[in-house]
Amino acid sequence: MLNHLNITKPLISYYKQNEKSKSNILIEKVLNGENIAIVSDAGTPGISDPGEEIVKEAIKNGIEIIPIPGACALINALISSGLNTKEFVFVGFLPVNKKEKQGKLEDVKKLKQTLIFYEAPHKLINTLKSISEILGDRKIVLAREITKIHEEYIRGKISDILKKYENPKGEFVIIIEGSKISKQEEKQKELSNLSLEEHYEYYENLKYEKKDIIKQIAKDRNTNKNEIYQHFLNRK
């Protein structure tokens, strides 16, 4: 880009592995009167991309930060997705470690907001399988190669996309609809996972009368209240 615009300026390589060490050098140059621009070959600096560390250091040193709007994959993908744009949660890249990835997905499982992830092509299929296992078979949009010549949007349920999409290429943004489960349904699901004794104790702590506890447990578990009553009767 600089060559195209006939701009001749020194370039310093700045990436994740050297971000902290190079930040100090660059801050020193600014303090000595130079101006520095952070540019990225793809995406927006600071958004799942180096830039966050030097911004923090610049603020500490009273240096002015001037953002210049440019292509941001997550925003472009979201507004073209057809999913809810009013509220969203940007997660970025999921952890590589399987257990940590599952933990992160569990953290966002109940969120009602649209969820946005970044993913590399060679990890996409396994990531979609993990998302389906933990979040369920939701509507998603895969936005591929945003602002590039092969830009593409793949829309549908995760299960349908996994059946049809075998050889992903390019960088992906994954946009997922938020949870549709109501708070009442969530609570009922949590309670139904308790043992009957734990379930009874839950309502007992809320000062319910015995007959009301039996009735409420039966409602939560969608079963006959006589069965619940008999269970506790047999334990006496």
C-alpha atoms as a PDB file:
ATOM      1  CA  MET A   1       0.000   0.000   0.000  1.00  0.00           C
ATOM      2  CA  LEU A   2       2.807   2.385   0.902  1.00  0.00           C
ATOM      3  CA  ASN A   3       4.579   1.626  -2.373  1.00  0.00           C
ATOM      4  CA  HIS A   4       1.346   2.231  -4.294  1.00  0.00           C
ATOM      5  CA  LEU A   5       1.008   5.641  -2.642  1.00  0.00           C
ATOM      6  CA  ASN A   6       4.731   6.420  -3.118  1.00  0.00           C
ATOM      7  CA  ILE A   7       5.214   6.763   0.650  1.00  0.00           C
ATOM      8  CA  THR A   8       8.677   5.895   1.887  1.00  0.00           C
ATOM      9  CA  LYS A   9       8.778   5.337   5.627  1.00  0.00           C
ATOM     10  CA  PRO A  10      10.615   2.852   7.861  1.00  0.00           C
ATOM     11  CA  LEU A  11       8.583  -0.233   8.788  1.00  0.00           C
ATOM     12  CA  ILE A  12       8.946  -2.179  12.038  1.00  0.00           C
ATOM     13  CA  SER A  13       7.612  -5.724  12.300  1.00  0.00           C
ATOM     14  CA  TYR A  14       5.105  -5.868  15.163  1.00  0.00           C
ATOM     15  CA  TYR A  15       3.345  -9.122  16.008  1.00  0.00           C
ATOM     16  CA  LYS A  16       2.041 -11.123  18.962  1.00  0.00           C
ATOM     17  CA  GLN A  17       5.371 -12.667  19.976  1.00  0.00           C
ATOM     18  CA  ASN A  18       7.254  -9.353  20.112  1.00  0.00           C
ATOM     19  CA  GLU A  19       4.377  -7.001  20.949  1.00  0.00           C
ATOM     20  CA  LYS A  20       5.446  -6.225  24.521  1.00  0.00           C
ATOM     21  CA  SER A  21       9.132  -5.711  23.793  1.00  0.00           C
ATOM     22  CA  LYS A  22       8.551  -3.629  20.650  1.00  0.00           C
ATOM     23  CA  SER A  23       5.900  -1.492  22.380  1.00  0.00           C
ATOM     24  CA  ASN A  24       8.544   0.051  24.664  1.00  0.00           C
ATOM     25  CA  ILE A  25      10.780   0.881  21.706  1.00  0.00           C
ATOM     26  CA  LEU A  26       7.920   2.456  19.768  1.00  0.00           C
ATOM     27  CA  ILE A  27       6.664   4.456  22.760  1.00  0.00           C
ATOM     28  CA  GLU A  28      10.161   5.859  23.193  1.00  0.00           C
ATOM     29  CA  LYS A  29      10.160   7.038  19.568  1.00  0.00           C
ATOM     30  CA  VAL A  30       6.828   8.848  20.054  1.00  0.00           C
ATOM     31  CA  LEU A  31       8.089  10.495  23.233  1.00  0.00           C
ATOM     32  CA  ASN A  32      11.065  11.732  21.188  1.00  0.00           C
ATOM     33  CA  GLY A  33       8.716  13.516  18.775  1.00  0.00           C
ATOM     34  CA  GLU A  34       8.030  10.914  16.077  1.00  0.00           C
ATOM     35  CA  ASN A  35       4.577   9.833  14.858  1.00  0.00           C
ATOM     36  CA  ILE A  36       3.738   6.149  14.556  1.00  0.00           C
ATOM     37  CA  ALA A  37       0.907   4.378  12.748  1.00  0.00           C
ATOM     38  CA  ILE A  38      -0.073   0.788  13.485  1.00  0.00           C
ATOM     39  CA  VAL A  39      -1.311  -0.992  10.370  1.00  0.00           C
ATOM     40  CA  SER A  40      -2.461  -4.539   9.743  1.00  0.00           C
ATOM     41  CA  ASP A  41      -2.316  -6.617   6.580  1.00  0.00           C
ATOM     42  CA  ALA A  42      -5.851  -7.819   7.408  1.00  0.00           C
ATOM     43  CA  GLY A  43      -8.446  -6.648   9.884  1.00  0.00           C
ATOM     44  CA  THR A  44      -8.224  -3.887  12.463  1.00  0.00           C
ATOM     45  CA  PRO A  45      -5.245  -3.496  14.836  1.00  0.00           C
ATOM     46  CA  GLY A  46      -6.196  -4.245  18.435  1.00  0.00           C
ATOM     47  CA  ILE A  47      -9.167  -6.484  17.566  1.00  0.00           C
ATOM     48  CA  SER A  48      -7.806 -10.054  17.809  1.00  0.00           C
ATOM     49  CA  ASP A  49      -4.715  -8.450  16.313  1.00  0.00           C
ATOM     50  CA  PRO A  50      -1.612  -6.794  17.850  1.00  0.00           C
ATOM     51  CA  GLY A  51      -2.208  -3.241  19.060  1.00  0.00           C
ATOM     52  CA  GLU A  52      -3.799  -3.553  22.485  1.00  0.00           C
ATOM     53  CA  GLU A  53      -0.486  -3.506  24.383  1.00  0.00           C
ATOM     54  CA  ILE A  54       0.927  -0.409  22.718  1.00  0.00           C
ATOM     55  CA  VAL A  55      -2.372   1.471  23.186  1.00  0.00           C
ATOM     56  CA  LYS A  56      -2.206   0.743  26.931  1.00  0.00           C
ATOM     57  CA  GLU A  57       1.397   1.941  27.101  1.00  0.00           C
ATOM     58  CA  ALA A  58       0.606   5.049  25.070  1.00  0.00           C
ATOM     59  CA  ILE A  59      -2.212   5.987  27.457  1.00  0.00           C
ATOM     60  CA  LYS A  60       0.104   5.494  30.449  1.00  0.00           C
ATOM     61  CA  ASN A  61       2.537   7.913  28.850  1.00  0.00           C
ATOM     62  CA  GLY A  62      -0.071  10.525  27.950  1.00  0.00           C
ATOM     63  CA  ILE A  63       0.225   9.886  24.211  1.00  0.00           C
ATOM     64  CA  GLU A  64      -2.811  10.675  22.046  1.00  0.00           C
ATOM     65  CA  ILE A  65      -4.492   7.724  20.275  1.00  0.00           C
ATOM     66  CA  ILE A  66      -6.221   8.483  16.970  1.00  0.00           C
ATOM     67  CA  PRO A  67      -8.239   5.577  15.515  1.00  0.00           C
ATOM     68  CA  ILE A  68      -8.823   5.559  11.773  1.00  0.00           C
ATOM     69  CA  PRO A  69     -11.892   3.471  10.783  1.00  0.00           C
ATOM     70  CA  GLY A  70     -11.215   0.648   8.387  1.00  0.00           C
ATOM     71  CA  ALA A  71     -12.383  -2.840   7.511  1.00  0.00           C
ATOM     72  CA  CYS A  72     -13.400  -4.741  10.651  1.00  0.00           C
ATOM     73  CA  ALA A  73     -14.452  -8.296   9.884  1.00  0.00           C
ATOM     74  CA  LEU A  74     -16.694  -8.810  12.907  1.00  0.00           C
ATOM     75  CA  ILE A  75     -18.808  -5.687  12.222  1.00  0.00           C
ATOM     76  CA  ASN A  76     -19.084  -6.274   8.476  1.00  0.00           C
ATOM     77  CA  ALA A  77     -20.023  -9.915   9.067  1.00  0.00           C
ATOM     78  CA  LEU A  78     -22.617  -8.995  11.688  1.00  0.00           C
ATOM     79  CA  ILE A  79     -24.437  -6.389   9.623  1.00  0.00           C
ATOM     80  CA  SER A  80     -24.608  -8.801   6.665  1.00  0.00           C
ATOM     81  CA  SER A  81     -25.611 -11.828   8.729  1.00  0.00           C
ATOM     82  CA  GLY A  82     -29.354 -11.299   9.050  1.00  0.00           C
ATOM     83  CA  LEU A  83     -29.119 -12.132  12.770  1.00  0.00           C
ATOM     84  CA  ASN A  84     -29.861  -9.764  15.658  1.00  0.00           C
ATOM     85  CA  THR A  85     -27.529  -6.737  15.552  1.00  0.00           C
ATOM     86  CA  LYS A  86     -28.946  -4.846  18.540  1.00  0.00           C
ATOM     87  CA  GLU A  87     -26.808  -6.671  21.088  1.00  0.00           C
ATOM     88  CA  PHE A  88     -23.833  -8.903  20.454  1.00  0.00           C
ATOM     89  CA  VAL A  89     -20.856 -10.449  22.238  1.00  0.00           C
ATOM     90  CA  PHE A  90     -17.515 -10.670  20.445  1.00  0.00           C
ATOM     91  CA  VAL A  91     -15.531 -13.662  21.736  1.00  0.00           C
ATOM     92  CA  GLY A  92     -12.730 -13.653  19.155  1.00  0.00           C
ATOM     93  CA  PHE A  93     -10.668 -16.813  18.702  1.00  0.00           C
ATOM     94  CA  LEU A  94     -11.620 -19.726  20.947  1.00  0.00           C
ATOM     95  CA  PRO A  95      -8.831 -21.433  22.947  1.00  0.00           C
ATOM     96  CA  VAL A  96      -6.918 -24.193  21.161  1.00  0.00           C
ATOM     97  CA  ASN A  97      -7.041 -26.491  24.196  1.00  0.00           C
ATOM     98  CA  LYS A  98     -10.213 -28.618  23.969  1.00  0.00           C
ATOM     99  CA  LYS A  99     -11.134 -28.314  27.656  1.00  0.00           C
ATOM    100  CA  GLU A 100     -10.600 -24.540  27.662  1.00  0.00           C
ATOM    101  CA  LYS A 101     -12.624 -24.219  24.441  1.00  0.00           C
ATOM    102  CA  GLN A 102     -15.517 -26.136  25.991  1.00  0.00           C
ATOM    103  CA  GLY A 103     -15.284 -23.950  29.100  1.00  0.00           C
ATOM    104  CA  LYS A 104     -15.478 -20.754  27.041  1.00  0.00           C
ATOM    105  CA  LEU A 105     -18.507 -22.066  25.146  1.00  0.00           C
ATOM    106  CA  GLU A 106     -20.198 -22.996  28.436  1.00  0.00           C
ATOM    107  CA  ASP A 107     -19.584 -19.403  29.602  1.00  0.00           C
ATOM    108  CA  VAL A 108     -21.547 -17.953  26.662  1.00  0.00           C
ATOM    109  CA  LYS A 109     -24.117 -20.741  26.287  1.00  0.00           C
ATOM    110  CA  LYS A 110     -26.988 -18.924  28.020  1.00  0.00           C
ATOM    111  CA  LEU A 111     -26.368 -15.464  26.572  1.00  0.00           C
ATOM    112  CA  LYS A 112     -29.271 -14.006  24.598  1.00  0.00           C
ATOM    113  CA  GLN A 113     -27.014 -11.770  22.513  1.00  0.00           C
ATOM    114  CA  THR A 114     -25.671 -12.718  19.088  1.00  0.00           C
ATOM    115  CA  LEU A 115     -22.271 -14.407  19.478  1.00  0.00           C
ATOM    116  CA  ILE A 116     -19.311 -13.674  17.200  1.00  0.00           C
ATOM    117  CA  PHE A 117     -16.147 -15.765  16.851  1.00  0.00           C
ATOM    118  CA  TYR A 118     -13.095 -15.769  14.598  1.00  0.00           C
ATOM    119  CA  GLU A 119     -11.698 -19.056  13.303  1.00  0.00           C
ATOM    120  CA  ALA A 120      -8.991 -20.359  10.987  1.00  0.00           C
ATOM    121  CA  PRO A 121     -10.036 -22.715   8.155  1.00  0.00           C
ATOM    122  CA  HIS A 122      -8.191 -25.807   9.443  1.00  0.00           C
ATOM    123  CA  LYS A 123      -9.970 -25.546  12.833  1.00  0.00           C
ATOM    124  CA  LEU A 124     -13.431 -24.575  11.574  1.00  0.00           C
ATOM    125  CA  ILE A 125     -15.101 -28.003  11.368  1.00  0.00           C
ATOM    126  CA  ASN A 126     -13.988 -29.106  14.848  1.00  0.00           C
ATOM    127  CA  THR A 127     -15.036 -25.735  16.265  1.00  0.00           C
ATOM    128  CA  LEU A 128     -18.494 -26.015  14.701  1.00  0.00           C
ATOM    129  CA  LYS A 129     -18.868 -29.505  16.190  1.00  0.00           C
ATOM    130  CA  SER A 130     -17.923 -28.189  19.638  1.00  0.00           C
ATOM    131  CA  ILE A 131     -20.365 -25.298  19.279  1.00  0.00           C
ATOM    132  CA  SER A 132     -23.160 -27.669  18.256  1.00  0.00           C
ATOM    133  CA  GLU A 133     -22.472 -30.033  21.178  1.00  0.00           C
ATOM    134  CA  ILE A 134     -22.546 -27.268  23.807  1.00  0.00           C
ATOM    135  CA  LEU A 135     -24.789 -24.523  22.387  1.00  0.00           C
ATOM    136  CA  GLY A 136     -27.110 -26.769  20.398  1.00  0.00           C
ATOM    137  CA  ASP A 137     -28.037 -26.771  16.712  1.00  0.00           C
ATOM    138  CA  ARG A 138     -28.551 -23.025  16.301  1.00  0.00           C
ATOM    139  CA  LYS A 139     -28.798 -20.737  13.288  1.00  0.00           C
ATOM    140  CA  ILE A 140     -25.365 -19.503  12.272  1.00  0.00           C
ATOM    141  CA  VAL A 141     -23.693 -17.540   9.526  1.00  0.00           C
ATOM    142  CA  LEU A 142     -20.182 -18.231   8.302  1.00  0.00           C
ATOM    143  CA  ALA A 143     -18.680 -15.098   6.789  1.00  0.00           C
ATOM    144  CA  ARG A 144     -15.605 -15.950   4.739  1.00  0.00           C
ATOM    145  CA  GLU A 145     -12.836 -13.677   3.437  1.00  0.00           C
ATOM    146  CA  ILE A 146     -14.572 -10.415   4.378  1.00  0.00           C
ATOM    147  CA  THR A 147     -13.816  -7.512   1.956  1.00  0.00           C
ATOM    148  CA  LYS A 148     -11.719  -9.830  -0.257  1.00  0.00           C
ATOM    149  CA  ILE A 149     -12.360 -11.205  -3.721  1.00  0.00           C
ATOM    150  CA  HIS A 150     -13.775 -14.526  -2.470  1.00  0.00           C
ATOM    151  CA  GLU A 151     -16.098 -13.012   0.169  1.00  0.00           C
ATOM    152  CA  GLU A 152     -18.947 -15.421   0.908  1.00  0.00           C
ATOM    153  CA  TYR A 153     -21.773 -15.942   3.428  1.00  0.00           C
ATOM    154  CA  ILE A 154     -22.996 -19.422   4.350  1.00  0.00           C
ATOM    155  CA  ARG A 155     -26.248 -19.412   6.335  1.00  0.00           C
ATOM    156  CA  GLY A 156     -28.201 -22.190   8.049  1.00  0.00           C
ATOM    157  CA  LYS A 157     -28.309 -24.526  11.025  1.00  0.00           C
ATOM    158  CA  ILE A 158     -24.952 -25.861  12.219  1.00  0.00           C
ATOM    159  CA  SER A 159     -25.959 -29.444  11.360  1.00  0.00           C
ATOM    160  CA  ASP A 160     -26.812 -28.492   7.764  1.00  0.00           C
ATOM    161  CA  ILE A 161     -23.565 -26.586   7.279  1.00  0.00           C
ATOM    162  CA  LEU A 162     -21.496 -29.472   8.684  1.00  0.00           C
ATOM    163  CA  LYS A 163     -23.097 -31.833   6.153  1.00  0.00           C
ATOM    164  CA  LYS A 164     -22.363 -29.595   3.158  1.00  0.00           C
ATOM    165  CA  TYR A 165     -19.139 -27.805   4.054  1.00  0.00           C
ATOM    166  CA  GLU A 166     -16.161 -30.162   3.964  1.00  0.00           C
ATOM    167  CA  ASN A 167     -13.159 -28.162   2.779  1.00  0.00           C
ATOM    168  CA  PRO A 168     -13.144 -24.643   4.273  1.00  0.00           C
ATOM    169  CA  LYS A 169     -10.694 -22.103   2.892  1.00  0.00           C
ATOM    170  CA  GLY A 170      -9.928 -18.578   4.014  1.00  0.00           C
ATOM    171  CA  GLU A 171     -10.446 -16.770   7.314  1.00  0.00           C
ATOM    172  CA  PHE A 172     -13.870 -17.101   8.931  1.00  0.00           C
ATOM    173  CA  VAL A 173     -16.168 -15.078  11.137  1.00  0.00           C
ATOM    174  CA  ILE A 174     -18.786 -17.257  12.870  1.00  0.00           C
ATOM    175  CA  ILE A 175     -22.003 -15.457  13.870  1.00  0.00           C
ATOM    176  CA  ILE A 176     -24.397 -17.437  16.063  1.00  0.00           C
ATOM    177  CA  GLU A 177     -27.918 -16.593  17.206  1.00  0.00           C
ATOM    178  CA  GLY A 178     -28.278 -16.045  20.952  1.00  0.00           C
ATOM    179  CA  SER A 179     -29.973 -18.493  23.300  1.00  0.00           C
ATOM    180  CA  LYS A 180     -33.733 -18.742  22.861  1.00  0.00           C
ATOM    181  CA  ILE A 181     -34.299 -20.487  26.208  1.00  0.00           C
ATOM    182  CA  SER A 182     -36.303 -18.345  28.643  1.00  0.00           C
ATOM    183  CA  LYS A 183     -35.147 -17.783  32.216  1.00  0.00           C
ATOM    184  CA  GLN A 184     -38.043 -19.924  33.435  1.00  0.00           C
ATOM    185  CA  GLU A 185     -37.004 -22.781  31.149  1.00  0.00           C
ATOM    186  CA  GLU A 186     -33.399 -22.440  32.308  1.00  0.00           C
ATOM    187  CA  LYS A 187     -34.500 -22.612  35.928  1.00  0.00           C
ATOM    188  CA  GLN A 188     -36.698 -25.633  35.310  1.00  0.00           C
ATOM    189  CA  LYS A 189     -33.832 -27.398  33.552  1.00  0.00           C
ATOM    190  CA  GLU A 190     -31.465 -26.659  36.444  1.00  0.00           C
ATOM    191  CA  LEU A 191     -33.979 -27.922  38.993  1.00  0.00           C
ATOM    192  CA  SER A 192     -34.777 -31.083  37.031  1.00  0.00           C
ATOM    193  CA  ASN A 193     -31.068 -31.965  37.127  1.00  0.00           C
ATOM    194  CA  LEU A 194     -31.175 -32.017  40.939  1.00  0.00           C
ATOM    195  CA  SER A 195     -31.947 -35.142  42.912  1.00  0.00           C
ATOM    196  CA  LEU A 196     -35.475 -35.210  44.331  1.00  0.00           C
ATOM    197  CA  GLU A 197     -34.043 -34.564  47.788  1.00  0.00           C
ATOM    198  CA  GLU A 198     -32.085 -31.535  46.569  1.00  0.00           C
ATOM    199  CA  HIS A 199     -35.139 -30.328  44.682  1.00  0.00           C
ATOM    200  CA  TYR A 200     -37.259 -30.657  47.840  1.00  0.00           C
ATOM    201  CA  GLU A 201     -34.645 -28.817  49.910  1.00  0.00           C
ATOM    202  CA  TYR A 202     -34.568 -25.970  47.357  1.00  0.00           C
ATOM    203  CA  TYR A 203     -38.274 -25.179  47.918  1.00  0.00           C
ATOM    204  CA  GLU A 204     -38.023 -25.937  51.610  1.00  0.00           C
ATOM    205  CA  ASN A 205     -35.414 -23.182  51.895  1.00  0.00           C
ATOM    206  CA  LEU A 206     -37.882 -20.865  50.162  1.00  0.00           C
ATOM    207  CA  LYS A 207     -40.357 -21.600  52.994  1.00  0.00           C
ATOM    208  CA  TYR A 208     -42.850 -23.522  50.815  1.00  0.00           C
ATOM    209  CA  GLU A 209     -45.401 -25.736  52.568  1.00  0.00           C
ATOM    210  CA  LYS A 210     -44.889 -29.486  52.112  1.00  0.00           C
ATOM    211  CA  LYS A 211     -47.923 -29.969  49.834  1.00  0.00           C
ATOM    212  CA  ASP A 212     -46.826 -26.999  47.691  1.00  0.00           C
ATOM    213  CA  ILE A 213     -43.302 -28.401  47.421  1.00  0.00           C
ATOM    214  CA  ILE A 214     -44.624 -31.711  46.084  1.00  0.00           C
ATOM    215  CA  LYS A 215     -46.858 -29.886  43.612  1.00  0.00           C
ATOM    216  CA  GLN A 216     -44.028 -27.606  42.399  1.00  0.00           C
ATOM    217  CA  ILE A 217     -41.531 -30.438  41.998  1.00  0.00           C
ATOM    218  CA  ALA A 218     -44.061 -32.351  39.881  1.00  0.00           C
ATOM    219  CA  LYS A 219     -44.579 -29.252  37.724  1.00  0.00           C
ATOM    220  CA  ASP A 220     -40.830 -28.649  37.286  1.00  0.00           C
ATOM    221  CA  ARG A 221     -40.242 -32.254  36.276  1.00  0.00           C
ATOM    222  CA  ASN A 222     -43.447 -32.585  34.241  1.00  0.00           C
ATOM    223  CA  THR A 223     -44.539 -35.639  36.198  1.00  0.00           C
ATOM    224  CA  ASN A 224     -47.448 -36.790  38.377  1.00  0.00           C
ATOM    225  CA  LYS A 225     -47.403 -35.297  41.869  1.00  0.00           C
ATOM    226  CA  ASN A 226     -48.486 -38.653  43.329  1.00  0.00           C
ATOM    227  CA  GLU A 227     -45.206 -40.172  42.115  1.00  0.00           C
ATOM    228  CA  ILE A 228     -43.245 -37.465  43.898  1.00  0.00           C
ATOM    229  CA  TYR A 229     -45.341 -37.892  47.031  1.00  0.00           C
ATOM    230  CA  GLN A 230     -44.861 -41.674  46.951  1.00  0.00           C
ATOM    231  CA  HIS A 231     -41.098 -41.255  46.609  1.00  0.00           C
ATOM    232  CA  PHE A 232     -40.844 -39.283  49.836  1.00  0.00           C
ATOM    233  CA  LEU A 233     -43.379 -41.498  51.576  1.00  0.00           C
ATOM    234  CA  ASN A 234     -41.288 -44.603  50.840  1.00  0.00           C
ATOM    235  CA  ARG A 235     -38.180 -42.965  52.264  1.00  0.00           C
ATOM    236  CA  LYS A 236     -39.762 -42.434  55.684  1.00  0.00           C
END
